[in-house]
């Protein structure tokens, strides 16, 4: 009885659960607005707006989560503004406060690597398909001027190229290198 939903459909529903919740909030707000007036009507509009924001953020997260399939090498951990990646043979960590640049390098076979460079030149390359890589979205949101649109474009790219997503002190980064 528990296996009525195919695993692929279940994974897609879980990936889009925030988007679905946002849609439900929008529906609630519109339903409330359909028979309200006065201050309740304005409250219904606010609920609808919140639902749209939640749904849009959910779509963005779902696209990042799809790129971070979890079947790549290693595990990503984020703890107290420190990004760590560990695998059976390699690993490393960078402090977000010491970051100089964040890039995505698309390699042969359309495999993407997050590349974090610190001020001292230390670099950490994290496969986008590593387990826990979807957490990078939340961590990188703290970087002022981080380009999420280019990050999504980079993670979905099919040919070899490098995308600069953020540079310290530079709000106008190059989109491609």
N, C-alpha and C. Protein backbone atom coordinates (compact mmCIF):
# COMPACT_ATOMS: atom_id res chain seq x y z
N UNK A 1 0.81 -1.19 0.00
CA UNK A 1 0.00 0.00 0.00
C UNK A 1 0.87 1.27 0.00
N UNK A 2 2.01 1.18 0.67
CA UNK A 2 2.87 2.36 0.78
C UNK A 2 3.60 2.67 -0.53
N UNK A 3 3.63 1.72 -1.45
CA UNK A 3 4.37 1.91 -2.70
C UNK A 3 3.46 2.24 -3.87
N UNK A 4 2.42 3.02 -3.63
CA UNK A 4 1.51 3.39 -4.71
C UNK A 4 2.10 4.45 -5.63
N UNK A 5 3.07 5.20 -5.13
CA UNK A 5 3.69 6.26 -5.92
C UNK A 5 5.07 5.78 -6.37
N UNK A 6 5.34 5.94 -7.66
CA UNK A 6 6.65 5.56 -8.19
C UNK A 6 7.75 6.35 -7.49
N UNK A 7 8.94 5.78 -7.31
CA UNK A 7 10.03 6.49 -6.64
C UNK A 7 10.40 7.81 -7.31
N UNK A 8 10.36 7.85 -8.67
CA UNK A 8 10.70 9.10 -9.37
C UNK A 8 9.67 10.18 -9.08
N UNK A 9 8.39 9.79 -9.05
CA UNK A 9 7.33 10.76 -8.76
C UNK A 9 7.42 11.23 -7.32
N UNK A 10 7.72 10.32 -6.41
CA UNK A 10 7.87 10.69 -5.00
C UNK A 10 9.03 11.67 -4.82
N UNK A 11 10.16 11.40 -5.51
CA UNK A 11 11.31 12.30 -5.43
C UNK A 11 10.97 13.68 -5.98
N UNK A 12 10.22 13.73 -7.08
CA UNK A 12 9.82 15.02 -7.66
C UNK A 12 8.89 15.77 -6.72
N UNK A 13 7.95 15.07 -6.10
CA UNK A 13 7.04 15.72 -5.16
C UNK A 13 7.80 16.26 -3.95
N UNK A 14 8.74 15.48 -3.44
CA UNK A 14 9.53 15.95 -2.31
C UNK A 14 10.39 17.15 -2.69
N UNK A 15 10.95 17.12 -3.90
CA UNK A 15 11.78 18.24 -4.37
C UNK A 15 10.95 19.51 -4.51
N UNK A 16 9.68 19.36 -4.89
CA UNK A 16 8.81 20.51 -5.13
C UNK A 16 7.84 20.78 -3.98
N UNK A 17 8.07 20.22 -2.81
CA UNK A 17 7.11 20.39 -1.72
C UNK A 17 6.94 21.85 -1.30
N UNK A 18 8.01 22.64 -1.33
CA UNK A 18 7.88 24.06 -0.98
C UNK A 18 7.06 24.80 -2.04
N UNK A 19 7.25 24.46 -3.30
CA UNK A 19 6.46 25.07 -4.37
C UNK A 19 4.99 24.72 -4.22
N UNK A 20 4.71 23.47 -3.90
CA UNK A 20 3.32 23.03 -3.70
C UNK A 20 2.71 23.76 -2.51
N UNK A 21 3.49 23.91 -1.44
CA UNK A 21 2.99 24.64 -0.26
C UNK A 21 2.71 26.10 -0.61
N UNK A 22 3.59 26.71 -1.38
CA UNK A 22 3.36 28.09 -1.82
C UNK A 22 2.09 28.21 -2.64
N UNK A 23 1.85 27.24 -3.53
CA UNK A 23 0.62 27.23 -4.32
C UNK A 23 -0.61 27.09 -3.45
N UNK A 24 -0.51 26.27 -2.40
CA UNK A 24 -1.64 26.11 -1.48
C UNK A 24 -1.90 27.42 -0.72
N UNK A 25 -0.85 28.12 -0.34
CA UNK A 25 -1.02 29.41 0.35
C UNK A 25 -1.65 30.43 -0.58
N UNK A 26 -1.23 30.45 -1.86
CA UNK A 26 -1.85 31.34 -2.85
C UNK A 26 -3.33 31.01 -2.98
N UNK A 27 -3.66 29.73 -3.09
CA UNK A 27 -5.06 29.32 -3.21
C UNK A 27 -5.87 29.76 -2.00
N UNK A 28 -5.30 29.60 -0.80
CA UNK A 28 -5.98 30.04 0.41
C UNK A 28 -6.21 31.54 0.40
N UNK A 29 -5.19 32.30 0.00
CA UNK A 29 -5.33 33.76 -0.06
C UNK A 29 -6.38 34.19 -1.06
N UNK A 30 -6.39 33.56 -2.24
CA UNK A 30 -7.39 33.91 -3.26
C UNK A 30 -8.80 33.51 -2.82
N UNK A 31 -8.91 32.36 -2.18
CA UNK A 31 -10.22 31.93 -1.67
C UNK A 31 -10.73 32.92 -0.62
N UNK A 32 -9.85 33.32 0.29
CA UNK A 32 -10.23 34.28 1.32
C UNK A 32 -10.60 35.62 0.70
N UNK A 33 -9.87 36.04 -0.33
CA UNK A 33 -10.15 37.32 -0.99
C UNK A 33 -11.45 37.29 -1.76
N UNK A 34 -11.89 36.11 -2.19
CA UNK A 34 -13.09 36.03 -3.03
C UNK A 34 -14.37 36.42 -2.30
N UNK A 35 -14.40 36.32 -0.98
CA UNK A 35 -15.63 36.68 -0.26
C UNK A 35 -15.38 37.70 0.85
N UNK A 36 -14.21 38.32 0.86
CA UNK A 36 -13.87 39.26 1.92
C UNK A 36 -13.99 40.70 1.46
N UNK A 37 -13.97 41.60 2.43
CA UNK A 37 -13.93 43.03 2.16
C UNK A 37 -13.24 43.70 3.34
N UNK A 38 -12.86 44.95 3.15
CA UNK A 38 -12.21 45.71 4.22
C UNK A 38 -10.82 45.18 4.55
N UNK A 39 -10.53 45.16 5.83
CA UNK A 39 -9.19 44.77 6.28
C UNK A 39 -8.89 43.29 6.02
N UNK A 40 -9.91 42.45 6.04
CA UNK A 40 -9.71 41.03 5.75
C UNK A 40 -9.29 40.83 4.30
N UNK A 41 -9.81 41.66 3.40
CA UNK A 41 -9.43 41.59 2.00
C UNK A 41 -7.93 41.90 1.84
N UNK A 42 -7.47 42.92 2.54
CA UNK A 42 -6.04 43.27 2.47
C UNK A 42 -5.19 42.16 3.08
N UNK A 43 -5.69 41.54 4.14
CA UNK A 43 -4.99 40.40 4.73
C UNK A 43 -4.90 39.25 3.72
N UNK A 44 -5.99 39.01 3.00
CA UNK A 44 -6.01 37.95 1.98
C UNK A 44 -5.00 38.25 0.87
N UNK A 45 -4.90 39.51 0.47
CA UNK A 45 -3.90 39.88 -0.54
C UNK A 45 -2.48 39.63 -0.02
N UNK A 46 -2.25 39.94 1.25
CA UNK A 46 -0.94 39.71 1.85
C UNK A 46 -0.61 38.21 1.88
N UNK A 47 -1.60 37.40 2.24
CA UNK A 47 -1.40 35.95 2.26
C UNK A 47 -1.07 35.45 0.85
N UNK A 48 -1.77 35.95 -0.15
CA UNK A 48 -1.52 35.57 -1.54
C UNK A 48 -0.10 35.95 -1.95
N UNK A 49 0.33 37.14 -1.59
CA UNK A 49 1.69 37.60 -1.92
C UNK A 49 2.74 36.71 -1.25
N UNK A 50 2.52 36.38 0.01
CA UNK A 50 3.45 35.49 0.72
C UNK A 50 3.51 34.13 0.02
N UNK A 51 2.36 33.64 -0.41
CA UNK A 51 2.32 32.37 -1.14
C UNK A 51 3.13 32.41 -2.42
N UNK A 52 3.02 33.52 -3.16
CA UNK A 52 3.82 33.67 -4.39
C UNK A 52 5.31 33.65 -4.09
N UNK A 53 5.72 34.35 -3.04
CA UNK A 53 7.14 34.39 -2.68
C UNK A 53 7.64 33.00 -2.29
N UNK A 54 6.84 32.28 -1.50
CA UNK A 54 7.21 30.92 -1.09
C UNK A 54 7.31 30.01 -2.31
N UNK A 55 6.35 30.11 -3.23
CA UNK A 55 6.34 29.27 -4.43
C UNK A 55 7.54 29.56 -5.34
N UNK A 56 7.86 30.83 -5.53
CA UNK A 56 9.00 31.19 -6.39
C UNK A 56 10.30 30.70 -5.77
N UNK A 57 10.46 30.88 -4.45
CA UNK A 57 11.65 30.38 -3.78
C UNK A 57 11.71 28.85 -3.87
N UNK A 58 10.57 28.21 -3.77
CA UNK A 58 10.51 26.75 -3.89
C UNK A 58 10.93 26.27 -5.27
N UNK A 59 10.52 26.99 -6.31
CA UNK A 59 10.94 26.63 -7.67
C UNK A 59 12.46 26.73 -7.82
N UNK A 60 13.02 27.81 -7.28
CA UNK A 60 14.48 27.98 -7.36
C UNK A 60 15.20 26.86 -6.62
N UNK A 61 14.72 26.53 -5.42
CA UNK A 61 15.34 25.47 -4.64
C UNK A 61 15.20 24.11 -5.33
N UNK A 62 14.06 23.88 -5.96
CA UNK A 62 13.83 22.61 -6.66
C UNK A 62 14.80 22.46 -7.83
N UNK A 63 15.06 23.54 -8.53
CA UNK A 63 16.00 23.48 -9.65
C UNK A 63 17.42 23.21 -9.15
N UNK A 64 17.81 23.83 -8.03
CA UNK A 64 19.12 23.54 -7.45
C UNK A 64 19.19 22.10 -6.95
N UNK A 65 18.11 21.64 -6.31
CA UNK A 65 18.09 20.28 -5.78
C UNK A 65 18.18 19.24 -6.89
N UNK A 66 17.59 19.55 -8.04
CA UNK A 66 17.66 18.61 -9.17
C UNK A 66 19.11 18.48 -9.65
N UNK A 67 19.84 19.59 -9.67
CA UNK A 67 21.25 19.55 -10.08
C UNK A 67 22.10 18.83 -9.03
N UNK A 68 21.71 18.94 -7.77
CA UNK A 68 22.43 18.27 -6.68
C UNK A 68 21.76 16.93 -6.40
N UNK A 69 22.00 15.98 -7.27
CA UNK A 69 21.29 14.70 -7.21
C UNK A 69 21.68 13.84 -6.02
N UNK A 70 22.84 14.09 -5.42
CA UNK A 70 23.27 13.31 -4.27
C UNK A 70 23.97 12.01 -4.65
N UNK A 71 24.11 11.74 -5.95
CA UNK A 71 24.77 10.51 -6.36
C UNK A 71 26.22 10.74 -6.79
N UNK A 72 26.73 11.92 -6.56
CA UNK A 72 28.12 12.23 -6.90
C UNK A 72 29.05 11.88 -5.76
N UNK A 73 30.34 12.07 -5.96
CA UNK A 73 31.31 11.71 -4.93
C UNK A 73 31.30 12.69 -3.76
N UNK A 74 31.38 12.16 -2.56
CA UNK A 74 31.56 12.97 -1.38
C UNK A 74 30.30 13.49 -0.73
N UNK A 75 30.54 14.17 0.40
CA UNK A 75 29.46 14.75 1.21
C UNK A 75 29.80 16.20 1.49
N UNK A 76 28.81 17.08 1.34
CA UNK A 76 28.98 18.50 1.64
C UNK A 76 28.37 18.76 3.02
N UNK A 77 29.11 19.50 3.84
CA UNK A 77 28.59 19.93 5.14
C UNK A 77 28.83 21.42 5.28
N UNK A 78 27.86 22.09 5.88
CA UNK A 78 28.00 23.53 6.14
C UNK A 78 27.76 23.73 7.63
N UNK A 79 28.78 24.26 8.30
CA UNK A 79 28.69 24.45 9.74
C UNK A 79 29.37 25.75 10.11
N UNK A 80 28.61 26.65 10.70
CA UNK A 80 29.13 27.94 11.17
C UNK A 80 29.94 28.66 10.10
N UNK A 81 29.32 28.87 8.94
CA UNK A 81 29.90 29.61 7.82
C UNK A 81 31.17 28.96 7.28
N UNK A 82 31.25 27.66 7.41
CA UNK A 82 32.37 26.90 6.87
C UNK A 82 31.81 25.81 5.96
N UNK A 83 32.25 25.81 4.70
CA UNK A 83 31.80 24.82 3.72
C UNK A 83 32.86 23.72 3.66
N UNK A 84 32.44 22.49 3.93
CA UNK A 84 33.35 21.35 3.91
C UNK A 84 32.87 20.33 2.89
N UNK A 85 33.81 19.69 2.23
CA UNK A 85 33.49 18.58 1.32
C UNK A 85 34.46 17.46 1.62
N UNK A 86 33.92 16.26 1.84
CA UNK A 86 34.75 15.10 2.15
C UNK A 86 34.36 13.95 1.24
N UNK A 87 35.37 13.25 0.75
CA UNK A 87 35.12 12.04 -0.03
C UNK A 87 36.10 10.97 0.47
N UNK A 88 36.09 9.84 -0.17
CA UNK A 88 36.97 8.75 0.26
C UNK A 88 38.45 9.10 0.06
N UNK A 89 38.76 9.91 -0.94
CA UNK A 89 40.16 10.19 -1.25
C UNK A 89 40.57 11.66 -1.09
N UNK A 90 39.63 12.57 -1.17
CA UNK A 90 39.94 14.00 -1.11
C UNK A 90 39.00 14.69 -0.14
N UNK A 91 39.26 15.96 0.08
CA UNK A 91 38.38 16.75 0.93
C UNK A 91 39.00 18.10 1.20
N UNK A 92 38.26 18.92 1.88
CA UNK A 92 38.75 20.23 2.23
C UNK A 92 37.64 21.09 2.78
N UNK A 93 38.00 22.31 3.16
CA UNK A 93 37.03 23.24 3.71
C UNK A 93 37.46 24.67 3.42
N UNK A 94 36.47 25.55 3.30
CA UNK A 94 36.73 26.98 3.14
C UNK A 94 35.81 27.74 4.08
N UNK A 95 36.31 28.87 4.57
CA UNK A 95 35.50 29.74 5.41
C UNK A 95 34.81 30.76 4.53
N UNK A 96 33.52 30.93 4.72
CA UNK A 96 32.78 31.89 3.90
C UNK A 96 33.25 33.32 4.12
N UNK A 97 33.73 33.61 5.32
CA UNK A 97 34.21 34.96 5.61
C UNK A 97 35.51 35.28 4.88
N UNK A 98 36.23 34.25 4.42
CA UNK A 98 37.50 34.45 3.73
C UNK A 98 37.39 34.23 2.22
N UNK A 99 36.16 34.05 1.72
CA UNK A 99 35.99 33.78 0.29
C UNK A 99 36.37 34.99 -0.55
N UNK A 100 37.04 34.70 -1.65
CA UNK A 100 37.39 35.73 -2.63
C UNK A 100 36.53 35.59 -3.88
N UNK A 101 36.20 34.32 -4.26
CA UNK A 101 35.45 34.09 -5.48
C UNK A 101 34.70 32.75 -5.40
N UNK A 102 33.51 32.73 -6.04
CA UNK A 102 32.73 31.50 -6.19
C UNK A 102 32.46 31.32 -7.68
N UNK A 103 32.79 30.12 -8.18
CA UNK A 103 32.61 29.82 -9.60
C UNK A 103 31.94 28.46 -9.75
N UNK A 104 31.40 28.21 -10.93
CA UNK A 104 30.97 26.86 -11.32
C UNK A 104 31.71 26.53 -12.60
N UNK A 105 32.42 25.40 -12.58
CA UNK A 105 33.14 24.91 -13.74
C UNK A 105 32.38 23.70 -14.28
N UNK A 106 31.92 23.79 -15.52
CA UNK A 106 31.25 22.67 -16.16
C UNK A 106 32.32 21.88 -16.91
N UNK A 107 32.46 20.61 -16.58
CA UNK A 107 33.49 19.77 -17.17
C UNK A 107 32.89 18.86 -18.24
N UNK A 108 33.73 18.04 -18.83
CA UNK A 108 33.27 17.10 -19.86
C UNK A 108 32.16 16.22 -19.29
N UNK A 109 31.19 15.96 -20.11
CA UNK A 109 30.05 15.16 -19.66
C UNK A 109 29.04 15.98 -18.89
N UNK A 110 29.14 17.30 -18.97
CA UNK A 110 28.21 18.24 -18.31
C UNK A 110 28.17 18.05 -16.80
N UNK A 111 29.32 17.71 -16.21
CA UNK A 111 29.40 17.60 -14.76
C UNK A 111 29.89 18.93 -14.21
N UNK A 112 29.19 19.45 -13.23
CA UNK A 112 29.51 20.77 -12.69
C UNK A 112 30.26 20.65 -11.36
N UNK A 113 31.21 21.55 -11.17
CA UNK A 113 31.96 21.66 -9.93
C UNK A 113 31.80 23.06 -9.38
N UNK A 114 31.44 23.17 -8.11
CA UNK A 114 31.48 24.45 -7.42
C UNK A 114 32.94 24.68 -7.05
N UNK A 115 33.48 25.85 -7.37
CA UNK A 115 34.87 26.16 -7.03
C UNK A 115 34.87 27.38 -6.11
N UNK A 116 35.36 27.17 -4.90
CA UNK A 116 35.44 28.23 -3.90
C UNK A 116 36.90 28.61 -3.72
N UNK A 117 37.22 29.90 -3.86
CA UNK A 117 38.59 30.38 -3.71
C UNK A 117 38.63 31.35 -2.54
N UNK A 118 39.57 31.10 -1.61
CA UNK A 118 39.73 31.98 -0.46
C UNK A 118 40.74 33.08 -0.78
N UNK A 119 40.81 34.08 0.08
CA UNK A 119 41.73 35.21 -0.09
C UNK A 119 43.18 34.76 -0.16
N UNK A 120 43.53 33.68 0.56
CA UNK A 120 44.91 33.19 0.57
C UNK A 120 45.23 32.28 -0.62
N UNK A 121 44.27 32.10 -1.53
CA UNK A 121 44.49 31.29 -2.72
C UNK A 121 44.04 29.85 -2.59
N UNK A 122 43.71 29.42 -1.38
CA UNK A 122 43.24 28.04 -1.20
C UNK A 122 41.93 27.85 -1.96
N UNK A 123 41.83 26.72 -2.68
CA UNK A 123 40.63 26.44 -3.48
C UNK A 123 40.01 25.13 -3.02
N UNK A 124 38.70 25.09 -3.13
CA UNK A 124 37.95 23.87 -2.85
C UNK A 124 37.00 23.64 -4.01
N UNK A 125 37.10 22.46 -4.63
CA UNK A 125 36.21 22.09 -5.73
C UNK A 125 35.24 21.04 -5.21
N UNK A 126 33.94 21.34 -5.32
CA UNK A 126 32.89 20.48 -4.81
C UNK A 126 32.00 20.04 -5.97
N UNK A 127 31.86 18.73 -6.20
CA UNK A 127 30.94 18.27 -7.26
C UNK A 127 29.51 18.70 -6.95
N UNK A 128 28.81 19.20 -7.94
CA UNK A 128 27.43 19.66 -7.71
C UNK A 128 26.49 18.51 -7.40
N UNK A 129 26.90 17.29 -7.73
CA UNK A 129 26.06 16.12 -7.46
C UNK A 129 26.40 15.45 -6.13
N UNK A 130 27.29 16.05 -5.34
CA UNK A 130 27.66 15.47 -4.06
C UNK A 130 26.46 15.49 -3.11
N UNK A 131 26.45 14.54 -2.20
CA UNK A 131 25.37 14.49 -1.23
C UNK A 131 25.42 15.74 -0.35
N UNK A 132 24.31 16.43 -0.22
CA UNK A 132 24.23 17.64 0.58
C UNK A 132 24.57 18.92 -0.16
N UNK A 133 24.87 18.84 -1.47
CA UNK A 133 25.25 20.03 -2.23
C UNK A 133 24.09 21.02 -2.36
N UNK A 134 22.86 20.56 -2.20
CA UNK A 134 21.72 21.47 -2.28
C UNK A 134 21.73 22.49 -1.13
N UNK A 135 22.47 22.20 -0.06
CA UNK A 135 22.58 23.14 1.06
C UNK A 135 23.40 24.37 0.70
N UNK A 136 24.18 24.28 -0.37
CA UNK A 136 25.01 25.42 -0.78
C UNK A 136 24.16 26.64 -1.13
N UNK A 137 22.94 26.42 -1.61
CA UNK A 137 22.06 27.54 -1.97
C UNK A 137 21.82 28.43 -0.75
N UNK A 138 21.49 27.82 0.38
CA UNK A 138 21.24 28.60 1.59
C UNK A 138 22.50 29.30 2.08
N UNK A 139 23.62 28.61 2.03
CA UNK A 139 24.87 29.20 2.49
C UNK A 139 25.29 30.37 1.62
N UNK A 140 25.16 30.22 0.31
CA UNK A 140 25.60 31.27 -0.62
C UNK A 140 24.65 32.46 -0.66
N UNK A 141 23.44 32.29 -0.15
CA UNK A 141 22.50 33.41 -0.09
C UNK A 141 23.03 34.53 0.81
N UNK A 142 23.95 34.20 1.70
CA UNK A 142 24.53 35.21 2.59
C UNK A 142 25.53 36.12 1.88
N UNK A 143 25.98 35.74 0.69
CA UNK A 143 26.95 36.55 -0.05
C UNK A 143 26.22 37.64 -0.83
N UNK A 144 26.49 38.88 -0.48
CA UNK A 144 25.83 40.00 -1.13
C UNK A 144 26.23 40.06 -2.60
N UNK A 145 25.23 40.05 -3.47
CA UNK A 145 25.48 40.12 -4.90
C UNK A 145 25.65 38.77 -5.58
N UNK A 146 25.43 37.67 -4.85
CA UNK A 146 25.56 36.34 -5.46
C UNK A 146 24.51 36.20 -6.56
N UNK A 147 24.92 35.69 -7.71
CA UNK A 147 24.06 35.61 -8.90
C UNK A 147 23.41 34.23 -9.02
N UNK A 148 22.20 34.10 -8.46
CA UNK A 148 21.50 32.81 -8.48
C UNK A 148 21.08 32.41 -9.89
N UNK A 149 20.69 33.37 -10.71
CA UNK A 149 20.26 33.05 -12.08
C UNK A 149 21.40 32.43 -12.87
N UNK A 150 22.59 32.99 -12.75
CA UNK A 150 23.74 32.43 -13.45
C UNK A 150 24.14 31.09 -12.86
N UNK A 151 23.96 30.91 -11.55
CA UNK A 151 24.26 29.62 -10.93
C UNK A 151 23.36 28.53 -11.49
N UNK A 152 22.08 28.82 -11.64
CA UNK A 152 21.16 27.84 -12.23
C UNK A 152 21.54 27.54 -13.67
N UNK A 153 21.87 28.59 -14.42
CA UNK A 153 22.29 28.42 -15.81
C UNK A 153 23.55 27.55 -15.89
N UNK A 154 24.48 27.78 -14.98
CA UNK A 154 25.73 27.01 -14.97
C UNK A 154 25.48 25.55 -14.63
N UNK A 155 24.63 25.29 -13.65
CA UNK A 155 24.37 23.91 -13.24
C UNK A 155 23.60 23.13 -14.29
N UNK A 156 22.91 23.84 -15.19
CA UNK A 156 22.15 23.18 -16.25
C UNK A 156 22.89 23.20 -17.59
N UNK A 157 24.11 23.77 -17.62
CA UNK A 157 24.88 23.88 -18.87
C UNK A 157 25.33 22.50 -19.35
N UNK A 158 25.44 22.37 -20.66
CA UNK A 158 25.81 21.08 -21.27
C UNK A 158 27.22 21.06 -21.84
N UNK A 159 27.83 22.24 -22.05
CA UNK A 159 29.18 22.26 -22.62
C UNK A 159 30.17 22.81 -21.60
N UNK A 160 31.45 22.51 -21.82
CA UNK A 160 32.49 22.92 -20.89
C UNK A 160 32.64 24.44 -20.88
N UNK A 161 32.52 25.02 -19.71
CA UNK A 161 32.73 26.45 -19.53
C UNK A 161 32.80 26.76 -18.04
N UNK A 162 33.20 27.99 -17.74
CA UNK A 162 33.33 28.43 -16.35
C UNK A 162 32.45 29.65 -16.14
N UNK A 163 31.73 29.67 -15.04
CA UNK A 163 30.85 30.78 -14.69
C UNK A 163 31.32 31.38 -13.37
N UNK A 164 31.57 32.67 -13.35
CA UNK A 164 31.91 33.37 -12.11
C UNK A 164 30.59 33.87 -11.52
N UNK A 165 30.29 33.42 -10.30
CA UNK A 165 29.01 33.75 -9.67
C UNK A 165 29.13 34.87 -8.65
N UNK A 166 30.30 35.02 -8.07
CA UNK A 166 30.48 36.04 -7.04
C UNK A 166 31.96 36.31 -6.85
N UNK A 167 32.28 37.58 -6.64
CA UNK A 167 33.63 38.01 -6.27
C UNK A 167 33.51 38.93 -5.08
N UNK A 168 34.45 38.85 -4.17
CA UNK A 168 34.44 39.72 -3.00
C UNK A 168 34.55 41.17 -3.43
N UNK A 169 33.64 41.99 -2.96
CA UNK A 169 33.66 43.42 -3.25
C UNK A 169 33.23 43.80 -4.64
N UNK A 170 32.75 42.86 -5.44
CA UNK A 170 32.35 43.15 -6.82
C UNK A 170 30.90 42.72 -7.02
N UNK A 171 30.00 43.68 -7.13
CA UNK A 171 28.59 43.36 -7.31
C UNK A 171 28.25 43.11 -8.77
N UNK A 172 29.15 43.42 -9.68
CA UNK A 172 28.90 43.21 -11.11
C UNK A 172 29.92 42.21 -11.64
N UNK A 173 29.64 40.93 -11.44
CA UNK A 173 30.58 39.89 -11.86
C UNK A 173 30.34 39.51 -13.31
N UNK A 174 31.37 38.92 -13.91
CA UNK A 174 31.22 38.40 -15.27
C UNK A 174 30.31 37.19 -15.22
N UNK A 175 29.52 37.01 -16.25
CA UNK A 175 28.60 35.88 -16.29
C UNK A 175 29.30 34.60 -16.74
N UNK A 176 30.26 34.72 -17.64
CA UNK A 176 30.98 33.56 -18.15
C UNK A 176 32.44 33.93 -18.34
N UNK A 177 33.30 32.95 -18.20
CA UNK A 177 34.72 33.15 -18.46
C UNK A 177 35.14 32.16 -19.51
